[in-house]
Amino acid sequence: MANTKEPNVLPTNEREELFEILKERFEQHMHRHPGLEWTPIQEKLLQHPEKMWSLFEMERTGGEPDVVGVDKTQGAYIFYDCSAESPAGRRSVCYDEEALASRKKNKPAHSACGMALDMGIELLDEEQYRYLQQLACVDQKTSSWIKTPTEIRKLKGALFCDYRYETVFVYHNGVESYYAARGFRGSLLV
């Protein structure tokens, strides 16, 4: 049977409110996207209402999404979660759905990969996380799961990062672990 689910679309009032938030953040942080202008970005967003919904979810969960560049191969604007700390509405999650299913007790409410999938975004990988740190020092009190290479995940491990001592640190943990100060950051191409 064909998937007949309608894409998630924001009501007009929420879309307009989100545009105001995104535009103000865009203008306040021009160092994240030198040479870009807001109007073409807004026009592109209007062409992709499902991406607006994903940005709304990024914002709702505390990610403070902003444009950090352009993917020239796809002709898409790149949004990252730019909040100072790992998004508060996405913490206390294990790494992925398989890890969540394998926990026998004290299960978290969700997983980072599962939540990202639900939101229509991707976890940042290590390279993207390091790029974000060049734009602003984030996760100085928290940490964020990052996309983990398959070889590590097969061994029941996952990677996370933070910023301490003026350095980006990449660590490992078991995929089932979760902590109140660890969430995840996402990216979205529009």
C-alpha atoms as a PDB file:
ATOM      1  CA  MET A   1       0.000   0.000   0.000  1.00  0.00           C
ATOM      2  CA  ALA A   2       1.313   3.462  -0.886  1.00  0.00           C
ATOM      3  CA  ASN A   3       2.258   5.886   1.868  1.00  0.00           C
ATOM      4  CA  THR A   4      -0.535   8.457   1.922  1.00  0.00           C
ATOM      5  CA  LYS A   5       0.721  10.369   4.962  1.00  0.00           C
ATOM      6  CA  GLU A   6       0.673  14.112   4.351  1.00  0.00           C
ATOM      7  CA  PRO A   7       3.964  15.882   5.040  1.00  0.00           C
ATOM      8  CA  ASN A   8       4.075  17.897   8.250  1.00  0.00           C
ATOM      9  CA  VAL A   9       3.106  21.467   7.443  1.00  0.00           C
ATOM     10  CA  LEU A  10       3.048  24.404   9.841  1.00  0.00           C
ATOM     11  CA  PRO A  11      -0.053  26.539  10.211  1.00  0.00           C
ATOM     12  CA  THR A  12       0.434  30.024   8.736  1.00  0.00           C
ATOM     13  CA  ASN A  13       0.707  31.793  12.111  1.00  0.00           C
ATOM     14  CA  GLU A  14       3.457  29.413  13.340  1.00  0.00           C
ATOM     15  CA  ARG A  15       5.272  29.696  10.011  1.00  0.00           C
ATOM     16  CA  GLU A  16       5.263  33.510  10.206  1.00  0.00           C
ATOM     17  CA  GLU A  17       6.443  33.428  13.824  1.00  0.00           C
ATOM     18  CA  LEU A  18       9.260  31.050  12.876  1.00  0.00           C
ATOM     19  CA  PHE A  19      10.298  33.310   9.966  1.00  0.00           C
ATOM     20  CA  GLU A  20      10.619  36.224  12.393  1.00  0.00           C
ATOM     21  CA  ILE A  21      12.787  34.178  14.777  1.00  0.00           C
ATOM     22  CA  LEU A  22      15.000  32.786  12.009  1.00  0.00           C
ATOM     23  CA  LYS A  23      15.428  36.165  10.304  1.00  0.00           C
ATOM     24  CA  GLU A  24      16.361  37.895  13.563  1.00  0.00           C
ATOM     25  CA  ARG A  25      18.894  35.159  14.416  1.00  0.00           C
ATOM     26  CA  PHE A  26      20.265  35.283  10.864  1.00  0.00           C
ATOM     27  CA  GLU A  27      20.813  39.052  11.121  1.00  0.00           C
ATOM     28  CA  GLN A  28      22.357  38.841  14.605  1.00  0.00           C
ATOM     29  CA  HIS A  29      24.922  36.217  13.584  1.00  0.00           C
ATOM     30  CA  MET A  30      26.163  37.258  10.139  1.00  0.00           C
ATOM     31  CA  HIS A  31      29.572  35.689  10.890  1.00  0.00           C
ATOM     32  CA  ARG A  32      27.918  32.264  10.453  1.00  0.00           C
ATOM     33  CA  HIS A  33      26.931  32.996   6.850  1.00  0.00           C
ATOM     34  CA  PRO A  34      28.991  35.819   5.308  1.00  0.00           C
ATOM     35  CA  GLY A  35      27.784  36.964   1.926  1.00  0.00           C
ATOM     36  CA  LEU A  36      24.304  35.443   2.278  1.00  0.00           C
ATOM     37  CA  GLU A  37      21.047  37.374   2.364  1.00  0.00           C
ATOM     38  CA  TRP A  38      17.837  36.407   4.132  1.00  0.00           C
ATOM     39  CA  THR A  39      15.281  36.957   1.313  1.00  0.00           C
ATOM     40  CA  PRO A  40      16.444  34.092  -0.971  1.00  0.00           C
ATOM     41  CA  ILE A  41      16.582  31.770   2.050  1.00  0.00           C
ATOM     42  CA  GLN A  42      13.011  32.629   3.014  1.00  0.00           C
ATOM     43  CA  GLU A  43      11.885  32.117  -0.585  1.00  0.00           C
ATOM     44  CA  LYS A  44      13.538  28.679  -0.633  1.00  0.00           C
ATOM     45  CA  LEU A  45      11.858  27.787   2.676  1.00  0.00           C
ATOM     46  CA  LEU A  46       8.457  28.737   1.253  1.00  0.00           C
ATOM     47  CA  GLN A  47       9.049  26.206  -1.537  1.00  0.00           C
ATOM     48  CA  HIS A  48       9.658  23.439   1.044  1.00  0.00           C
ATOM     49  CA  PRO A  49       6.990  23.539   3.775  1.00  0.00           C
ATOM     50  CA  GLU A  50       8.142  20.173   5.185  1.00  0.00           C
ATOM     51  CA  LYS A  51      11.555  21.758   5.872  1.00  0.00           C
ATOM     52  CA  MET A  52       9.823  24.587   7.717  1.00  0.00           C
ATOM     53  CA  TRP A  53       8.232  21.983   9.958  1.00  0.00           C
ATOM     54  CA  SER A  54      11.664  20.444  10.650  1.00  0.00           C
ATOM     55  CA  LEU A  55      13.088  23.879  11.482  1.00  0.00           C
ATOM     56  CA  PHE A  56      10.140  24.478  13.781  1.00  0.00           C
ATOM     57  CA  GLU A  57      10.952  21.226  15.582  1.00  0.00           C
ATOM     58  CA  MET A  58      14.614  22.232  15.831  1.00  0.00           C
ATOM     59  CA  GLU A  59      13.534  25.538  17.369  1.00  0.00           C
ATOM     60  CA  ARG A  60      10.855  24.024  19.623  1.00  0.00           C
ATOM     61  CA  THR A  61      13.353  21.615  21.172  1.00  0.00           C
ATOM     62  CA  GLY A  62      15.903  24.360  21.868  1.00  0.00           C
ATOM     63  CA  GLY A  63      18.295  24.022  18.933  1.00  0.00           C
ATOM     64  CA  GLU A  64      18.231  27.651  17.757  1.00  0.00           C
ATOM     65  CA  PRO A  65      18.773  26.704  14.079  1.00  0.00           C
ATOM     66  CA  ASP A  66      20.660  29.074  11.828  1.00  0.00           C
ATOM     67  CA  VAL A  67      22.193  29.053   8.347  1.00  0.00           C
ATOM     68  CA  VAL A  68      25.870  28.060   8.418  1.00  0.00           C
ATOM     69  CA  GLY A  69      26.574  27.846   4.693  1.00  0.00           C
ATOM     70  CA  VAL A  70      25.518  26.596   1.285  1.00  0.00           C
ATOM     71  CA  ASP A  71      25.896  23.094  -0.108  1.00  0.00           C
ATOM     72  CA  LYS A  72      26.863  24.012  -3.657  1.00  0.00           C
ATOM     73  CA  THR A  73      26.498  20.449  -4.969  1.00  0.00           C
ATOM     74  CA  GLN A  74      22.823  20.402  -3.988  1.00  0.00           C
ATOM     75  CA  GLY A  75      22.130  24.131  -4.194  1.00  0.00           C
ATOM     76  CA  ALA A  76      20.832  24.015  -0.635  1.00  0.00           C
ATOM     77  CA  TYR A  77      21.197  26.191   2.433  1.00  0.00           C
ATOM     78  CA  ILE A  78      22.680  24.389   5.437  1.00  0.00           C
ATOM     79  CA  PHE A  79      21.073  24.876   8.842  1.00  0.00           C
ATOM     80  CA  TYR A  80      22.693  23.644  12.086  1.00  0.00           C
ATOM     81  CA  ASP A  81      21.519  23.770  15.676  1.00  0.00           C
ATOM     82  CA  CYS A  82      23.533  26.714  17.013  1.00  0.00           C
ATOM     83  CA  SER A  83      22.352  26.828  20.637  1.00  0.00           C
ATOM     84  CA  ALA A  84      25.091  27.488  23.207  1.00  0.00           C
ATOM     85  CA  GLU A  85      24.441  24.121  24.870  1.00  0.00           C
ATOM     86  CA  SER A  86      23.067  20.844  23.542  1.00  0.00           C
ATOM     87  CA  PRO A  87      19.342  21.445  22.859  1.00  0.00           C
ATOM     88  CA  ALA A  88      17.462  21.071  26.155  1.00  0.00           C
ATOM     89  CA  GLY A  89      14.458  19.363  24.540  1.00  0.00           C
ATOM     90  CA  ARG A  90      16.672  16.604  23.130  1.00  0.00           C
ATOM     91  CA  ARG A  91      18.694  15.501  26.149  1.00  0.00           C
ATOM     92  CA  SER A  92      18.608  12.280  28.163  1.00  0.00           C
ATOM     93  CA  VAL A  93      18.423  10.149  25.017  1.00  0.00           C
ATOM     94  CA  CYS A  94      20.452   7.078  24.122  1.00  0.00           C
ATOM     95  CA  TYR A  95      22.113   6.859  20.714  1.00  0.00           C
ATOM     96  CA  ASP A  96      19.678   4.973  18.448  1.00  0.00           C
ATOM     97  CA  GLU A  97      16.464   2.959  18.339  1.00  0.00           C
ATOM     98  CA  GLU A  98      18.273  -0.379  18.539  1.00  0.00           C
ATOM     99  CA  ALA A  99      19.958   0.757  21.764  1.00  0.00           C
ATOM    100  CA  LEU A 100      16.626   1.972  23.129  1.00  0.00           C
ATOM    101  CA  ALA A 101      14.960  -1.373  22.381  1.00  0.00           C
ATOM    102  CA  SER A 102      17.786  -3.313  24.025  1.00  0.00           C
ATOM    103  CA  ARG A 103      17.571  -1.506  27.377  1.00  0.00           C
ATOM    104  CA  LYS A 104      15.788  -3.723  29.848  1.00  0.00           C
ATOM    105  CA  LYS A 105      15.079  -1.071  32.511  1.00  0.00           C
ATOM    106  CA  ASN A 106      15.373   2.676  33.051  1.00  0.00           C
ATOM    107  CA  LYS A 107      14.758   3.346  29.376  1.00  0.00           C
ATOM    108  CA  PRO A 108      15.048   6.929  28.163  1.00  0.00           C
ATOM    109  CA  ALA A 109      12.020   8.395  26.405  1.00  0.00           C
ATOM    110  CA  HIS A 110      13.721   8.382  23.001  1.00  0.00           C
ATOM    111  CA  SER A 111      16.969   8.012  21.083  1.00  0.00           C
ATOM    112  CA  ALA A 112      19.012  10.671  19.309  1.00  0.00           C
ATOM    113  CA  CYS A 113      18.816   8.960  15.904  1.00  0.00           C
ATOM    114  CA  GLY A 114      15.108   8.178  16.293  1.00  0.00           C
ATOM    115  CA  MET A 115      14.269  11.697  17.373  1.00  0.00           C
ATOM    116  CA  ALA A 116      16.296  13.174  14.491  1.00  0.00           C
ATOM    117  CA  LEU A 117      14.453  10.932  12.045  1.00  0.00           C
ATOM    118  CA  ASP A 118      11.093  12.020  13.507  1.00  0.00           C
ATOM    119  CA  MET A 119      12.153  15.664  13.104  1.00  0.00           C
ATOM    120  CA  GLY A 120      13.402  15.208   9.533  1.00  0.00           C
ATOM    121  CA  ILE A 121      16.995  16.197  10.370  1.00  0.00           C
ATOM    122  CA  GLU A 122      20.414  14.499  10.522  1.00  0.00           C
ATOM    123  CA  LEU A 123      22.803  14.264  13.455  1.00  0.00           C
ATOM    124  CA  LEU A 124      25.953  16.306  12.950  1.00  0.00           C
ATOM    125  CA  ASP A 125      29.018  14.225  12.167  1.00  0.00           C
ATOM    126  CA  GLU A 126      32.448  14.978  13.619  1.00  0.00           C
ATOM    127  CA  GLU A 127      33.509  17.234  10.738  1.00  0.00           C
ATOM    128  CA  GLN A 128      30.275  19.239  10.952  1.00  0.00           C
ATOM    129  CA  TYR A 129      30.586  19.497  14.744  1.00  0.00           C
ATOM    130  CA  ARG A 130      34.144  20.833  14.437  1.00  0.00           C
ATOM    131  CA  TYR A 131      32.964  23.342  11.827  1.00  0.00           C
ATOM    132  CA  LEU A 132      30.213  24.555  14.178  1.00  0.00           C
ATOM    133  CA  GLN A 133      32.836  25.064  16.894  1.00  0.00           C
ATOM    134  CA  GLN A 134      34.697  27.416  14.527  1.00  0.00           C
ATOM    135  CA  LEU A 135      31.575  29.589  14.381  1.00  0.00           C
ATOM    136  CA  ALA A 136      30.933  29.611  18.152  1.00  0.00           C
ATOM    137  CA  CYS A 137      32.169  27.629  21.130  1.00  0.00           C
ATOM    138  CA  VAL A 138      29.202  25.409  22.020  1.00  0.00           C
ATOM    139  CA  ASP A 139      28.669  22.569  24.509  1.00  0.00           C
ATOM    140  CA  GLN A 140      30.910  24.044  27.198  1.00  0.00           C
ATOM    141  CA  LYS A 141      28.668  22.506  29.896  1.00  0.00           C
ATOM    142  CA  THR A 142      26.870  19.795  27.928  1.00  0.00           C
ATOM    143  CA  SER A 143      27.757  17.239  25.251  1.00  0.00           C
ATOM    144  CA  SER A 144      26.160  16.091  22.009  1.00  0.00           C
ATOM    145  CA  TRP A 145      25.897  12.703  20.321  1.00  0.00           C
ATOM    146  CA  ILE A 146      27.321  12.775  16.789  1.00  0.00           C
ATOM    147  CA  LYS A 147      26.819  10.509  13.797  1.00  0.00           C
ATOM    148  CA  THR A 148      28.898   7.439  14.580  1.00  0.00           C
ATOM    149  CA  PRO A 149      30.842   5.403  12.008  1.00  0.00           C
ATOM    150  CA  THR A 150      29.268   2.009  11.283  1.00  0.00           C
ATOM    151  CA  GLU A 151      32.340   0.103  12.475  1.00  0.00           C
ATOM    152  CA  ILE A 152      32.074   1.654  15.956  1.00  0.00           C
ATOM    153  CA  ARG A 153      28.290   1.252  16.104  1.00  0.00           C
ATOM    154  CA  LYS A 154      28.578  -2.466  15.237  1.00  0.00           C
ATOM    155  CA  LEU A 155      30.658  -2.837  18.402  1.00  0.00           C
ATOM    156  CA  LYS A 156      27.872  -1.183  20.448  1.00  0.00           C
ATOM    157  CA  GLY A 157      29.697   2.126  20.746  1.00  0.00           C
ATOM    158  CA  ALA A 158      28.744   5.663  19.805  1.00  0.00           C
ATOM    159  CA  LEU A 159      30.557   8.995  19.696  1.00  0.00           C
ATOM    160  CA  PHE A 160      29.785  12.297  21.356  1.00  0.00           C
ATOM    161  CA  CYS A 161      31.569  15.641  21.554  1.00  0.00           C
ATOM    162  CA  ASP A 162      31.941  18.685  23.747  1.00  0.00           C
ATOM    163  CA  TYR A 163      34.169  21.747  24.078  1.00  0.00           C
ATOM    164  CA  ARG A 164      36.460  22.046  27.097  1.00  0.00           C
ATOM    165  CA  TYR A 165      39.855  23.683  27.671  1.00  0.00           C
ATOM    166  CA  GLU A 166      39.523  25.510  24.328  1.00  0.00           C
ATOM    167  CA  THR A 167      39.476  22.133  22.574  1.00  0.00           C
ATOM    168  CA  VAL A 168      36.863  19.951  20.861  1.00  0.00           C
ATOM    169  CA  PHE A 169      36.873  16.529  22.469  1.00  0.00           C
ATOM    170  CA  VAL A 170      35.468  13.412  20.814  1.00  0.00           C
ATOM    171  CA  TYR A 171      34.575  10.602  23.212  1.00  0.00           C
ATOM    172  CA  HIS A 172      32.899   7.214  23.109  1.00  0.00           C
ATOM    173  CA  ASN A 173      30.167   5.619  25.170  1.00  0.00           C
ATOM    174  CA  GLY A 174      27.946   2.586  24.959  1.00  0.00           C
ATOM    175  CA  VAL A 175      24.957   3.220  22.697  1.00  0.00           C
ATOM    176  CA  GLU A 176      22.507   2.498  25.525  1.00  0.00           C
ATOM    177  CA  SER A 177      23.877   5.226  27.807  1.00  0.00           C
ATOM    178  CA  TYR A 178      22.102   8.508  28.337  1.00  0.00           C
ATOM    179  CA  TYR A 179      22.735  11.545  30.498  1.00  0.00           C
ATOM    180  CA  ALA A 180      20.834  14.665  31.493  1.00  0.00           C
ATOM    181  CA  ALA A 181      23.563  16.857  29.995  1.00  0.00           C
ATOM    182  CA  ARG A 182      23.863  15.002  26.660  1.00  0.00           C
ATOM    183  CA  GLY A 183      21.598  15.595  23.697  1.00  0.00           C
ATOM    184  CA  PHE A 184      22.300  15.939  20.005  1.00  0.00           C
ATOM    185  CA  ARG A 185      22.667  18.628  17.357  1.00  0.00           C
ATOM    186  CA  GLY A 186      21.155  18.383  13.930  1.00  0.00           C
ATOM    187  CA  SER A 187      21.565  19.639  10.411  1.00  0.00           C
ATOM    188  CA  LEU A 188      19.032  20.316   7.691  1.00  0.00           C
ATOM    189  CA  LEU A 189      19.492  21.076   3.999  1.00  0.00           C
ATOM    190  CA  VAL A 190      16.921  23.392   2.434  1.00  0.00           C
END
